[in-house]
Amino acid sequence: MTRFVAIKRLTYDTWRMRLRRSLLILLAAVFLPAAASAFDLETALKEQHVQYRESQGEAVYRTVQSDGMTLAQATESVRKRTGGQVLSAETRVQGGREVHYIKVLKDGKVKTHKVNGRKR
């Protein structure tokens, strides 16, 4: 013989749920803007950026960096250094910088040389 057991269903008090949800939204609206202003991303980034520090009169020291090689300069440099015949040369942009790939034939072997170029 099989017995059926009645499962008691939980009744939801919609009035209390709506009140709790409204209070939660109100608390979030009050406290979240304070937290957002404490971590103001734009201000923090401006403080780190060189352009804004200079405009505020703060001394900024920079190291002078060469502008890098053009494709023609890189090709000539590799040709002189290896003493081989340049087969092809191409420039690709990687990580905000030009990188020159130069294929050179020497002693029957083809080697690809990579030369850093200018920043973009």
PDB file of N, CA and C in Angstrom:
ATOM      1  N   MET A   1       0.833  -1.161   0.000  1.00  0.00           N
ATOM      2  CA  MET A   1       0.000   0.000   0.000  1.00  0.00           C
ATOM      3  C   MET A   1       0.895   1.248   0.000  1.00  0.00           C
ATOM      4  N   THR A   2       0.582   2.171  -0.838  1.00  0.00           N
ATOM      5  CA  THR A   2       1.379   3.392  -0.978  1.00  0.00           C
ATOM      6  C   THR A   2       0.685   4.539  -0.271  1.00  0.00           C
ATOM      7  N   ARG A   3       1.468   5.253   0.483  1.00  0.00           N
ATOM      8  CA  ARG A   3       0.913   6.425   1.167  1.00  0.00           C
ATOM      9  C   ARG A   3       1.372   7.688   0.464  1.00  0.00           C
ATOM     10  N   PHE A   4       0.490   8.602   0.354  1.00  0.00           N
ATOM     11  CA  PHE A   4       0.835   9.894  -0.204  1.00  0.00           C
ATOM     12  C   PHE A   4       1.036  10.881   0.934  1.00  0.00           C
ATOM     13  N   VAL A   5       2.167  11.540   0.887  1.00  0.00           N
ATOM     14  CA  VAL A   5       2.462  12.503   1.933  1.00  0.00           C
ATOM     15  C   VAL A   5       2.270  13.888   1.349  1.00  0.00           C
ATOM     16  N   ALA A   6       1.519  14.669   2.005  1.00  0.00           N
ATOM     17  CA  ALA A   6       1.270  16.027   1.529  1.00  0.00           C
ATOM     18  C   ALA A   6       2.470  16.906   1.870  1.00  0.00           C
ATOM     19  N   ILE A   7       2.968  17.594   0.881  1.00  0.00           N
ATOM     20  CA  ILE A   7       4.103  18.497   1.081  1.00  0.00           C
ATOM     21  C   ILE A   7       3.547  19.890   1.304  1.00  0.00           C
ATOM     22  N   LYS A   8       3.991  20.460   2.376  1.00  0.00           N
ATOM     23  CA  LYS A   8       3.497  21.793   2.703  1.00  0.00           C
ATOM     24  C   LYS A   8       4.197  22.812   1.800  1.00  0.00           C
ATOM     25  N   ARG A   9       3.465  23.574   1.078  1.00  0.00           N
ATOM     26  CA  ARG A   9       4.021  24.597   0.198  1.00  0.00           C
ATOM     27  C   ARG A   9       4.229  25.864   0.999  1.00  0.00           C
ATOM     28  N   LEU A  10       5.360  26.488   0.746  1.00  0.00           N
ATOM     29  CA  LEU A  10       5.648  27.743   1.423  1.00  0.00           C
ATOM     30  C   LEU A  10       4.816  28.851   0.797  1.00  0.00           C
ATOM     31  N   THR A  11       4.244  29.647   1.610  1.00  0.00           N
ATOM     32  CA  THR A  11       3.499  30.792   1.092  1.00  0.00           C
ATOM     33  C   THR A  11       4.408  32.010   1.155  1.00  0.00           C
ATOM     34  N   TYR A  12       4.354  32.803   0.156  1.00  0.00           N
ATOM     35  CA  TYR A  12       5.202  33.977   0.076  1.00  0.00           C
ATOM     36  C   TYR A  12       4.385  35.214   0.424  1.00  0.00           C
ATOM     37  N   ASP A  13       4.981  36.008   1.258  1.00  0.00           N
ATOM     38  CA  ASP A  13       4.352  37.255   1.638  1.00  0.00           C
ATOM     39  C   ASP A  13       4.874  38.320   0.678  1.00  0.00           C
ATOM     40  N   THR A  14       4.118  38.622  -0.329  1.00  0.00           N
ATOM     41  CA  THR A  14       4.590  39.542  -1.357  1.00  0.00           C
ATOM     42  C   THR A  14       4.845  40.938  -0.819  1.00  0.00           C
ATOM     43  N   TRP A  15       4.087  41.357   0.154  1.00  0.00           N
ATOM     44  CA  TRP A  15       4.271  42.695   0.711  1.00  0.00           C
ATOM     45  C   TRP A  15       5.646  42.820   1.360  1.00  0.00           C
ATOM     46  N   ARG A  16       6.061  41.806   2.147  1.00  0.00           N
ATOM     47  CA  ARG A  16       7.367  41.832   2.805  1.00  0.00           C
ATOM     48  C   ARG A  16       8.503  41.737   1.788  1.00  0.00           C
ATOM     49  N   MET A  17       8.331  40.917   0.791  1.00  0.00           N
ATOM     50  CA  MET A  17       9.373  40.785  -0.232  1.00  0.00           C
ATOM     51  C   MET A  17       9.568  42.098  -0.978  1.00  0.00           C
ATOM     52  N   ARG A  18       8.490  42.755  -1.310  1.00  0.00           N
ATOM     53  CA  ARG A  18       8.603  44.041  -2.012  1.00  0.00           C
ATOM     54  C   ARG A  18       9.265  45.086  -1.129  1.00  0.00           C
ATOM     55  N   LEU A  19       8.958  45.081   0.167  1.00  0.00           N
ATOM     56  CA  LEU A  19       9.567  46.023   1.090  1.00  0.00           C
ATOM     57  C   LEU A  19      11.069  45.763   1.212  1.00  0.00           C
ATOM     58  N   ARG A  20      11.462  44.511   1.344  1.00  0.00           N
ATOM     59  CA  ARG A  20      12.887  44.177   1.428  1.00  0.00           C
ATOM     60  C   ARG A  20      13.633  44.559   0.161  1.00  0.00           C
ATOM     61  N   ARG A  21      13.036  44.275  -0.981  1.00  0.00           N
ATOM     62  CA  ARG A  21      13.671  44.615  -2.248  1.00  0.00           C
ATOM     63  C   ARG A  21      13.808  46.127  -2.392  1.00  0.00           C
ATOM     64  N   SER A  22      12.808  46.874  -2.014  1.00  0.00           N
ATOM     65  CA  SER A  22      12.863  48.340  -2.093  1.00  0.00           C
ATOM     66  C   SER A  22      13.940  48.898  -1.175  1.00  0.00           C
ATOM     67  N   LEU A  23      14.052  48.349   0.043  1.00  0.00           N
ATOM     68  CA  LEU A  23      15.093  48.799   0.968  1.00  0.00           C
ATOM     69  C   LEU A  23      16.494  48.476   0.448  1.00  0.00           C
ATOM     70  N   LEU A  24      16.639  47.321  -0.135  1.00  0.00           N
ATOM     71  CA  LEU A  24      17.927  46.933  -0.696  1.00  0.00           C
ATOM     72  C   LEU A  24      18.334  47.865  -1.846  1.00  0.00           C
ATOM     73  N   ILE A  25      17.417  48.191  -2.716  1.00  0.00           N
ATOM     74  CA  ILE A  25      17.690  49.111  -3.823  1.00  0.00           C
ATOM     75  C   ILE A  25      18.024  50.500  -3.305  1.00  0.00           C
ATOM     76  N   LEU A  26      17.289  50.943  -2.284  1.00  0.00           N
ATOM     77  CA  LEU A  26      17.547  52.257  -1.694  1.00  0.00           C
ATOM     78  C   LEU A  26      18.929  52.318  -1.052  1.00  0.00           C
ATOM     79  N   LEU A  27      19.304  51.286  -0.304  1.00  0.00           N
ATOM     80  CA  LEU A  27      20.627  51.239   0.306  1.00  0.00           C
ATOM     81  C   LEU A  27      21.731  51.203  -0.743  1.00  0.00           C
ATOM     82  N   ALA A  28      21.529  50.451  -1.800  1.00  0.00           N
ATOM     83  CA  ALA A  28      22.519  50.389  -2.872  1.00  0.00           C
ATOM     84  C   ALA A  28      22.679  51.753  -3.539  1.00  0.00           C
ATOM     85  N   ALA A  29      21.565  52.460  -3.743  1.00  0.00           N
ATOM     86  CA  ALA A  29      21.622  53.779  -4.370  1.00  0.00           C
ATOM     87  C   ALA A  29      22.336  54.793  -3.484  1.00  0.00           C
ATOM     88  N   VAL A  30      22.255  54.614  -2.178  1.00  0.00           N
ATOM     89  CA  VAL A  30      22.886  55.559  -1.251  1.00  0.00           C
ATOM     90  C   VAL A  30      24.381  55.288  -1.129  1.00  0.00           C
ATOM     91  N   PHE A  31      24.793  54.030  -1.027  1.00  0.00           N
ATOM     92  CA  PHE A  31      26.185  53.718  -0.720  1.00  0.00           C
ATOM     93  C   PHE A  31      27.071  53.484  -1.938  1.00  0.00           C
ATOM     94  N   LEU A  32      26.549  53.078  -3.062  1.00  0.00           N
ATOM     95  CA  LEU A  32      27.382  52.821  -4.227  1.00  0.00           C
ATOM     96  C   LEU A  32      28.024  54.082  -4.822  1.00  0.00           C
ATOM     97  N   PRO A  33      27.354  55.217  -4.934  1.00  0.00           N
ATOM     98  CA  PRO A  33      28.039  56.396  -5.459  1.00  0.00           C
ATOM     99  C   PRO A  33      29.223  56.826  -4.599  1.00  0.00           C
ATOM    100  N   ALA A  34      29.156  56.643  -3.297  1.00  0.00           N
ATOM    101  CA  ALA A  34      30.282  56.986  -2.426  1.00  0.00           C
ATOM    102  C   ALA A  34      31.467  56.076  -2.718  1.00  0.00           C
ATOM    103  N   ALA A  35      31.208  54.810  -2.941  1.00  0.00           N
ATOM    104  CA  ALA A  35      32.287  53.875  -3.243  1.00  0.00           C
ATOM    105  C   ALA A  35      32.886  54.166  -4.616  1.00  0.00           C
ATOM    106  N   ALA A  36      32.058  54.561  -5.556  1.00  0.00           N
ATOM    107  CA  ALA A  36      32.556  54.852  -6.901  1.00  0.00           C
ATOM    108  C   ALA A  36      33.434  56.098  -6.902  1.00  0.00           C
ATOM    109  N   SER A  37      33.093  57.100  -6.117  1.00  0.00           N
ATOM    110  CA  SER A  37      33.914  58.307  -6.102  1.00  0.00           C
ATOM    111  C   SER A  37      35.236  58.058  -5.395  1.00  0.00           C
ATOM    112  N   ALA A  38      35.295  57.096  -4.489  1.00  0.00           N
ATOM    113  CA  ALA A  38      36.546  56.780  -3.807  1.00  0.00           C
ATOM    114  C   ALA A  38      37.543  56.153  -4.768  1.00  0.00           C
ATOM    115  N   PHE A  39      37.057  55.486  -5.778  1.00  0.00           N
ATOM    116  CA  PHE A  39      37.929  54.845  -6.755  1.00  0.00           C
ATOM    117  C   PHE A  39      37.725  55.480  -8.125  1.00  0.00           C
ATOM    118  N   ASP A  40      37.937  56.747  -8.217  1.00  0.00           N
ATOM    119  CA  ASP A  40      37.725  57.456  -9.469  1.00  0.00           C
ATOM    120  C   ASP A  40      38.857  57.118 -10.433  1.00  0.00           C
ATOM    121  N   LEU A  41      38.558  56.327 -11.413  1.00  0.00           N
ATOM    122  CA  LEU A  41      39.562  55.836 -12.339  1.00  0.00           C
ATOM    123  C   LEU A  41      40.167  56.943 -13.184  1.00  0.00           C
ATOM    124  N   GLU A  42      39.351  57.849 -13.647  1.00  0.00           N
ATOM    125  CA  GLU A  42      39.852  58.913 -14.514  1.00  0.00           C
ATOM    126  C   GLU A  42      40.877  59.779 -13.790  1.00  0.00           C
ATOM    127  N   THR A  43      40.608  60.140 -12.575  1.00  0.00           N
ATOM    128  CA  THR A  43      41.537  60.968 -11.808  1.00  0.00           C
ATOM    129  C   THR A  43      42.837  60.220 -11.553  1.00  0.00           C
ATOM    130  N   ALA A  44      42.745  58.948 -11.223  1.00  0.00           N
ATOM    131  CA  ALA A  44      43.941  58.157 -10.951  1.00  0.00           C
ATOM    132  C   ALA A  44      44.815  58.038 -12.197  1.00  0.00           C
ATOM    133  N   LEU A  45      44.194  57.849 -13.354  1.00  0.00           N
ATOM    134  CA  LEU A  45      44.965  57.739 -14.584  1.00  0.00           C
ATOM    135  C   LEU A  45      45.605  59.066 -14.972  1.00  0.00           C
ATOM    136  N   LYS A  46      44.899  60.168 -14.740  1.00  0.00           N
ATOM    137  CA  LYS A  46      45.466  61.472 -15.048  1.00  0.00           C
ATOM    138  C   LYS A  46      46.679  61.771 -14.178  1.00  0.00           C
ATOM    139  N   GLU A  47      46.656  61.320 -12.925  1.00  0.00           N
ATOM    140  CA  GLU A  47      47.792  61.544 -12.044  1.00  0.00           C
ATOM    141  C   GLU A  47      49.030  60.806 -12.527  1.00  0.00           C
ATOM    142  N   GLN A  48      48.855  59.681 -13.183  1.00  0.00           N
ATOM    143  CA  GLN A  48      49.984  58.891 -13.650  1.00  0.00           C
ATOM    144  C   GLN A  48      50.504  59.345 -15.004  1.00  0.00           C
ATOM    145  N   HIS A  49      49.698  60.000 -15.784  1.00  0.00           N
ATOM    146  CA  HIS A  49      50.061  60.361 -17.153  1.00  0.00           C
ATOM    147  C   HIS A  49      51.005  61.559 -17.167  1.00  0.00           C
ATOM    148  N   VAL A  50      52.028  61.474 -17.972  1.00  0.00           N
ATOM    149  CA  VAL A  50      53.069  62.500 -18.035  1.00  0.00           C
ATOM    150  C   VAL A  50      52.508  63.848 -18.464  1.00  0.00           C
ATOM    151  N   GLN A  51      51.608  63.867 -19.412  1.00  0.00           N
ATOM    152  CA  GLN A  51      51.065  65.116 -19.950  1.00  0.00           C
ATOM    153  C   GLN A  51      50.419  65.956 -18.846  1.00  0.00           C
ATOM    154  N   TYR A  52      49.669  65.334 -17.957  1.00  0.00           N
ATOM    155  CA  TYR A  52      48.976  66.073 -16.915  1.00  0.00           C
ATOM    156  C   TYR A  52      49.917  66.500 -15.797  1.00  0.00           C
ATOM    157  N   ARG A  53      50.946  65.700 -15.527  1.00  0.00           N
ATOM    158  CA  ARG A  53      51.910  66.075 -14.497  1.00  0.00           C
ATOM    159  C   ARG A  53      52.703  67.308 -14.934  1.00  0.00           C
ATOM    160  N   GLU A  54      53.027  67.384 -16.221  1.00  0.00           N
ATOM    161  CA  GLU A  54      53.772  68.542 -16.725  1.00  0.00           C
ATOM    162  C   GLU A  54      52.947  69.814 -16.637  1.00  0.00           C
ATOM    163  N   SER A  55      51.645  69.708 -16.899  1.00  0.00           N
ATOM    164  CA  SER A  55      50.791  70.888 -16.876  1.00  0.00           C
ATOM    165  C   SER A  55      50.601  71.420 -15.457  1.00  0.00           C
ATOM    166  N   GLN A  56      50.855  70.582 -14.461  1.00  0.00           N
ATOM    167  CA  GLN A  56      50.732  71.024 -13.078  1.00  0.00           C
ATOM    168  C   GLN A  56      52.049  71.535 -12.524  1.00  0.00           C
ATOM    169  N   GLY A  57      53.063  71.645 -13.356  1.00  0.00           N
ATOM    170  CA  GLY A  57      54.331  72.214 -12.941  1.00  0.00           C
ATOM    171  C   GLY A  57      55.294  71.217 -12.326  1.00  0.00           C
ATOM    172  N   GLU A  58      54.959  69.948 -12.314  1.00  0.00           N
ATOM    173  CA  GLU A  58      55.846  68.945 -11.741  1.00  0.00           C
ATOM    174  C   GLU A  58      56.929  68.592 -12.754  1.00  0.00           C
ATOM    175  N   ALA A  59      58.153  68.497 -12.291  1.00  0.00           N
ATOM    176  CA  ALA A  59      59.263  68.168 -13.185  1.00  0.00           C
ATOM    177  C   ALA A  59      59.185  66.693 -13.558  1.00  0.00           C
ATOM    178  N   VAL A  60      59.296  66.416 -14.832  1.00  0.00           N
ATOM    179  CA  VAL A  60      59.248  65.048 -15.322  1.00  0.00           C
ATOM    180  C   VAL A  60      60.516  64.802 -16.119  1.00  0.00           C
ATOM    181  N   TYR A  61      61.221  63.737 -15.779  1.00  0.00           N
ATOM    182  CA  TYR A  61      62.453  63.396 -16.469  1.00  0.00           C
ATOM    183  C   TYR A  61      62.176  62.231 -17.406  1.00  0.00           C
ATOM    184  N   ARG A  62      62.598  62.392 -18.636  1.00  0.00           N
ATOM    185  CA  ARG A  62      62.387  61.350 -19.631  1.00  0.00           C
ATOM    186  C   ARG A  62      63.728  60.933 -20.204  1.00  0.00           C
ATOM    187  N   THR A  63      63.798  59.688 -20.601  1.00  0.00           N
ATOM    188  CA  THR A  63      64.998  59.238 -21.290  1.00  0.00           C
ATOM    189  C   THR A  63      64.759  59.380 -22.783  1.00  0.00           C
ATOM    190  N   VAL A  64      65.758  59.835 -23.483  1.00  0.00           N
ATOM    191  CA  VAL A  64      65.633  60.026 -24.926  1.00  0.00           C
ATOM    192  C   VAL A  64      65.861  58.678 -25.584  1.00  0.00           C
ATOM    193  N   GLN A  65      64.945  58.297 -26.452  1.00  0.00           N
ATOM    194  CA  GLN A  65      65.042  57.019 -27.124  1.00  0.00           C
ATOM    195  C   GLN A  65      65.147  57.261 -28.616  1.00  0.00           C
ATOM    196  N   SER A  66      65.999  56.484 -29.251  1.00  0.00           N
ATOM    197  CA  SER A  66      66.146  56.662 -30.693  1.00  0.00           C
ATOM    198  C   SER A  66      64.840  56.298 -31.379  1.00  0.00           C
ATOM    199  N   ASP A  67      64.650  56.874 -32.545  1.00  0.00           N
ATOM    200  CA  ASP A  67      63.390  56.693 -33.248  1.00  0.00           C
ATOM    201  C   ASP A  67      63.304  55.326 -33.915  1.00  0.00           C
ATOM    202  N   GLY A  68      64.383  54.549 -33.922  1.00  0.00           N
ATOM    203  CA  GLY A  68      64.364  53.248 -34.567  1.00  0.00           C
ATOM    204  C   GLY A  68      64.787  53.362 -36.019  1.00  0.00           C
ATOM    205  N   MET A  69      64.873  52.224 -36.661  1.00  0.00           N
ATOM    206  CA  MET A  69      65.342  52.181 -38.051  1.00  0.00           C
ATOM    207  C   MET A  69      64.177  52.127 -39.016  1.00  0.00           C
ATOM    208  N   THR A  70      64.402  52.693 -40.177  1.00  0.00           N
ATOM    209  CA  THR A  70      63.452  52.515 -41.267  1.00  0.00           C
ATOM    210  C   THR A  70      63.744  51.159 -41.901  1.00  0.00           C
ATOM    211  N   LEU A  71      62.883  50.729 -42.808  1.00  0.00           N
ATOM    212  CA  LEU A  71      63.096  49.443 -43.475  1.00  0.00           C
ATOM    213  C   LEU A  71      64.370  49.459 -44.309  1.00  0.00           C
ATOM    214  N   ALA A  72      64.635  50.571 -44.995  1.00  0.00           N
ATOM    215  CA  ALA A  72      65.847  50.678 -45.818  1.00  0.00           C
ATOM    216  C   ALA A  72      67.104  50.612 -44.946  1.00  0.00           C
ATOM    217  N   GLN A  73      67.103  51.319 -43.822  1.00  0.00           N
ATOM    218  CA  GLN A  73      68.261  51.292 -42.924  1.00  0.00           C
ATOM    219  C   GLN A  73      68.482  49.889 -42.358  1.00  0.00           C
ATOM    220  N   ALA A  74      67.396  49.231 -41.967  1.00  0.00           N
ATOM    221  CA  ALA A  74      67.503  47.887 -41.401  1.00  0.00           C
ATOM    222  C   ALA A  74      68.015  46.901 -42.439  1.00  0.00           C
ATOM    223  N   THR A  75      67.539  47.016 -43.676  1.00  0.00           N
ATOM    224  CA  THR A  75      67.980  46.129 -44.747  1.00  0.00           C
ATOM    225  C   THR A  75      69.470  46.305 -45.013  1.00  0.00           C
ATOM    226  N   GLU A  76      69.911  47.539 -45.086  1.00  0.00           N
ATOM    227  CA  GLU A  76      71.334  47.815 -45.332  1.00  0.00           C
ATOM    228  C   GLU A  76      72.189  47.320 -44.173  1.00  0.00           C
ATOM    229  N   SER A  77      71.730  47.503 -42.958  1.00  0.00           N
ATOM    230  CA  SER A  77      72.473  47.058 -41.780  1.00  0.00           C
ATOM    231  C   SER A  77      72.635  45.541 -41.764  1.00  0.00           C
ATOM    232  N   VAL A  78      71.572  44.821 -42.060  1.00  0.00           N
ATOM    233  CA  VAL A  78      71.632  43.352 -42.073  1.00  0.00           C
ATOM    234  C   VAL A  78      72.509  42.875 -43.221  1.00  0.00           C
ATOM    235  N   ARG A  79      72.415  43.511 -44.371  1.00  0.00           N
ATOM    236  CA  ARG A  79      73.236  43.110 -45.520  1.00  0.00           C
ATOM    237  C   ARG A  79      74.719  43.265 -45.199  1.00  0.00           C
ATOM    238  N   LYS A  80      75.092  44.390 -44.578  1.00  0.00           N
ATOM    239  CA  LYS A  80      76.498  44.619 -44.221  1.00  0.00           C
ATOM    240  C   LYS A  80      76.958  43.652 -43.127  1.00  0.00           C
ATOM    241  N   ARG A  81      76.118  43.402 -42.164  1.00  0.00           N
ATOM    242  CA  ARG A  81      76.490  42.550 -41.031  1.00  0.00           C
ATOM    243  C   ARG A  81      76.649  41.090 -41.441  1.00  0.00           C
ATOM    244  N   THR A  82      75.789  40.594 -42.346  1.00  0.00           N
ATOM    245  CA  THR A  82      75.836  39.183 -42.720  1.00  0.00           C
ATOM    246  C   THR A  82      76.675  38.932 -43.964  1.00  0.00           C
ATOM    247  N   GLY A  83      76.773  39.925 -44.836  1.00  0.00           N
ATOM    248  CA  GLY A  83      77.511  39.732 -46.078  1.00  0.00           C
ATOM    249  C   GLY A  83      76.761  38.883 -47.090  1.00  0.00           C
ATOM    250  N   GLY A  84      75.464  38.693 -46.876  1.00  0.00           N
ATOM    251  CA  GLY A  84      74.667  37.870 -47.776  1.00  0.00           C
ATOM    252  C   GLY A  84      73.820  38.717 -48.717  1.00  0.00           C
ATOM    253  N   GLN A  85      72.998  38.020 -49.501  1.00  0.00           N
ATOM    254  CA  GLN A  85      72.123  38.686 -50.459  1.00  0.00           C
ATOM    255  C   GLN A  85      70.722  38.794 -49.854  1.00  0.00           C
ATOM    256  N   VAL A  86      70.166  40.003 -49.847  1.00  0.00           N
ATOM    257  CA  VAL A  86      68.835  40.220 -49.294  1.00  0.00           C
ATOM    258  C   VAL A  86      67.801  39.745 -50.307  1.00  0.00           C
ATOM    259  N   LEU A  87      66.954  38.803 -49.869  1.00  0.00           N
ATOM    260  CA  LEU A  87      65.915  38.265 -50.742  1.00  0.00           C
ATOM    261  C   LEU A  87      64.614  39.052 -50.629  1.00  0.00           C
ATOM    262  N   SER A  88      64.215  39.367 -49.401  1.00  0.00           N
ATOM    263  CA  SER A  88      62.989  40.125 -49.214  1.00  0.00           C
ATOM    264  C   SER A  88      63.050  40.844 -47.869  1.00  0.00           C
ATOM    265  N   ALA A  89      62.235  41.872 -47.779  1.00  0.00           N
ATOM    266  CA  ALA A  89      62.146  42.632 -46.527  1.00  0.00           C
ATOM    267  C   ALA A  89      60.714  43.120 -46.389  1.00  0.00           C
ATOM    268  N   GLU A  90      60.171  42.977 -45.176  1.00  0.00           N
ATOM    269  CA  GLU A  90      58.818  43.452 -44.924  1.00  0.00           C
ATOM    270  C   GLU A  90      58.729  44.005 -43.502  1.00  0.00           C
ATOM    271  N   THR A  91      57.746  44.884 -43.310  1.00  0.00           N
ATOM    272  CA  THR A  91      57.532  45.502 -42.006  1.00  0.00           C
ATOM    273  C   THR A  91      56.171  45.093 -41.481  1.00  0.00           C
ATOM    274  N   ARG A  92      56.143  44.683 -40.207  1.00  0.00           N
ATOM    275  CA  ARG A  92      54.886  44.361 -39.524  1.00  0.00           C
ATOM    276  C   ARG A  92      54.819  45.214 -38.263  1.00  0.00           C
ATOM    277  N   VAL A  93      53.609  45.467 -37.804  1.00  0.00           N
ATOM    278  CA  VAL A  93      53.427  46.227 -36.569  1.00  0.00           C
ATOM    279  C   VAL A  93      53.067  45.243 -35.466  1.00  0.00           C
ATOM    280  N   GLN A  94      53.862  45.250 -34.398  1.00  0.00           N
ATOM    281  CA  GLN A  94      53.627  44.360 -33.265  1.00  0.00           C
ATOM    282  C   GLN A  94      53.763  45.162 -31.980  1.00  0.00           C
ATOM    283  N   GLY A  95      52.722  45.200 -31.201  1.00  0.00           N
ATOM    284  CA  GLY A  95      52.774  45.874 -29.915  1.00  0.00           C
ATOM    285  C   GLY A  95      53.055  47.363 -30.015  1.00  0.00           C
ATOM    286  N   GLY A  96      52.517  48.021 -31.020  1.00  0.00           N
ATOM    287  CA  GLY A  96      52.718  49.456 -31.165  1.00  0.00           C
ATOM    288  C   GLY A  96      54.086  49.820 -31.700  1.00  0.00           C
ATOM    289  N   ARG A  97      54.794  48.890 -32.293  1.00  0.00           N
ATOM    290  CA  ARG A  97      56.135  49.145 -32.811  1.00  0.00           C
ATOM    291  C   ARG A  97      56.301  48.424 -34.148  1.00  0.00           C
ATOM    292  N   GLU A  98      57.049  49.045 -35.049  1.00  0.00           N
ATOM    293  CA  GLU A  98      57.359  48.402 -36.321  1.00  0.00           C
ATOM    294  C   GLU A  98      58.444  47.350 -36.097  1.00  0.00           C
ATOM    295  N   VAL A  99      58.284  46.200 -36.726  1.00  0.00           N
ATOM    296  CA  VAL A  99      59.311  45.156 -36.693  1.00  0.00           C
ATOM    297  C   VAL A  99      59.597  44.779 -38.136  1.00  0.00           C
ATOM    298  N   HIS A 100      60.882  44.859 -38.525  1.00  0.00           N
ATOM    299  CA  HIS A 100      61.291  44.556 -39.896  1.00  0.00           C
ATOM    300  C   HIS A 100      61.792  43.112 -39.963  1.00  0.00           C
ATOM    301  N   TYR A 101      61.265  42.348 -40.909  1.00  0.00           N
ATOM    302  CA  TYR A 101      61.701  40.980 -41.148  1.00  0.00           C
ATOM    303  C   TYR A 101      62.448  40.961 -42.475  1.00  0.00           C
ATOM    304  N   ILE A 102      63.718  40.557 -42.435  1.00  0.00           N
ATOM    305  CA  ILE A 102      64.570  40.611 -43.617  1.00  0.00           C
ATOM    306  C   ILE A 102      65.120  39.215 -43.871  1.00  0.00           C
ATOM    307  N   LYS A 103      64.832  38.661 -45.054  1.00  0.00           N
ATOM    308  CA  LYS A 103      65.330  37.342 -45.441  1.00  0.00           C
ATOM    309  C   LYS A 103      66.625  37.513 -46.210  1.00  0.00           C
ATOM    310  N   VAL A 104      67.662  36.766 -45.775  1.00  0.00           N
ATOM    311  CA  VAL A 104      68.994  36.891 -46.362  1.00  0.00           C
ATOM    312  C   VAL A 104      69.470  35.511 -46.796  1.00  0.00           C
ATOM    313  N   LEU A 105      70.062  35.441 -48.006  1.00  0.00           N
ATOM    314  CA  LEU A 105      70.643  34.212 -48.528  1.00  0.00           C
ATOM    315  C   LEU A 105      72.149  34.287 -48.366  1.00  0.00           C
ATOM    316  N   LYS A 106      72.708  33.303 -47.630  1.00  0.00           N
ATOM    317  CA  LYS A 106      74.160  33.251 -47.469  1.00  0.00           C
ATOM    318  C   LYS A 106      74.568  31.789 -47.376  1.00  0.00           C
ATOM    319  N   ASP A 107      75.535  31.391 -48.174  1.00  0.00           N
ATOM    320  CA  ASP A 107      76.048  30.018 -48.210  1.00  0.00           C
ATOM    321  C   ASP A 107      74.943  29.002 -48.489  1.00  0.00           C
ATOM    322  N   GLY A 108      74.000  29.374 -49.338  1.00  0.00           N
ATOM    323  CA  GLY A 108      72.931  28.475 -49.733  1.00  0.00           C
ATOM    324  C   GLY A 108      71.823  28.321 -48.696  1.00  0.00           C
ATOM    325  N   LYS A 109      71.885  29.080 -47.604  1.00  0.00           N
ATOM    326  CA  LYS A 109      70.857  28.996 -46.567  1.00  0.00           C
ATOM    327  C   LYS A 109      70.143  30.333 -46.448  1.00  0.00           C
ATOM    328  N   VAL A 110      68.830  30.254 -46.243  1.00  0.00           N
ATOM    329  CA  VAL A 110      68.029  31.465 -46.070  1.00  0.00           C
ATOM    330  C   VAL A 110      67.743  31.643 -44.576  1.00  0.00           C
ATOM    331  N   LYS A 111      68.097  32.815 -44.072  1.00  0.00           N
ATOM    332  CA  LYS A 111      67.821  33.141 -42.676  1.00  0.00           C
ATOM    333  C   LYS A 111      66.975  34.404 -42.627  1.00  0.00           C
ATOM    334  N   THR A 112      66.045  34.448 -41.664  1.00  0.00           N
ATOM    335  CA  THR A 112      65.218  35.634 -41.465  1.00  0.00           C
ATOM    336  C   THR A 112      65.726  36.386 -40.252  1.00  0.00           C
ATOM    337  N   HIS A 113      66.052  37.657 -40.468  1.00  0.00           N
ATOM    338  CA  HIS A 113      66.536  38.514 -39.384  1.00  0.00           C
ATOM    339  C   HIS A 113      65.423  39.467 -38.988  1.00  0.00           C
ATOM    340  N   LYS A 114      65.294  39.663 -37.671  1.00  0.00           N
ATOM    341  CA  LYS A 114      64.260  40.537 -37.139  1.00  0.00           C
ATOM    342  C   LYS A 114      64.939  41.777 -36.555  1.00  0.00           C
ATOM    343  N   VAL A 115      64.472  42.964 -37.000  1.00  0.00           N
ATOM    344  CA  VAL A 115      65.060  44.220 -36.549  1.00  0.00           C
ATOM    345  C   VAL A 115      63.929  45.104 -36.033  1.00  0.00           C
ATOM    346  N   ASN A 116      64.105  45.659 -34.823  1.00  0.00           N
ATOM    347  CA  ASN A 116      63.095  46.569 -34.283  1.00  0.00           C
ATOM    348  C   ASN A 116      63.122  47.903 -35.020  1.00  0.00           C
ATOM    349  N   GLY A 117      61.950  48.396 -35.326  1.00  0.00           N
ATOM    350  CA  GLY A 117      61.839  49.673 -36.035  1.00  0.00           C
ATOM    351  C   GLY A 117      61.302  50.762 -35.129  1.00  0.00           C
ATOM    352  N   ARG A 118      60.613  51.709 -35.746  1.00  0.00           N
ATOM    353  CA  ARG A 118      60.100  52.868 -35.007  1.00  0.00           C
ATOM    354  C   ARG A 118      58.862  52.519 -34.208  1.00  0.00           C
ATOM    355  N   LYS A 119      58.617  53.333 -33.189  1.00  0.00           N
ATOM    356  CA  LYS A 119      57.388  53.190 -32.419  1.00  0.00           C
ATOM    357  C   LYS A 119      56.263  53.854 -33.180  1.00  0.00           C
ATOM    358  N   ARG A 120      55.064  53.371 -32.993  1.00  0.00           N
ATOM    359  CA  ARG A 120      53.896  53.955 -33.654  1.00  0.00           C
ATOM    360  C   ARG A 120      53.111  54.774 -32.691  1.00  0.00           C
TER     361      ARG A 120
END
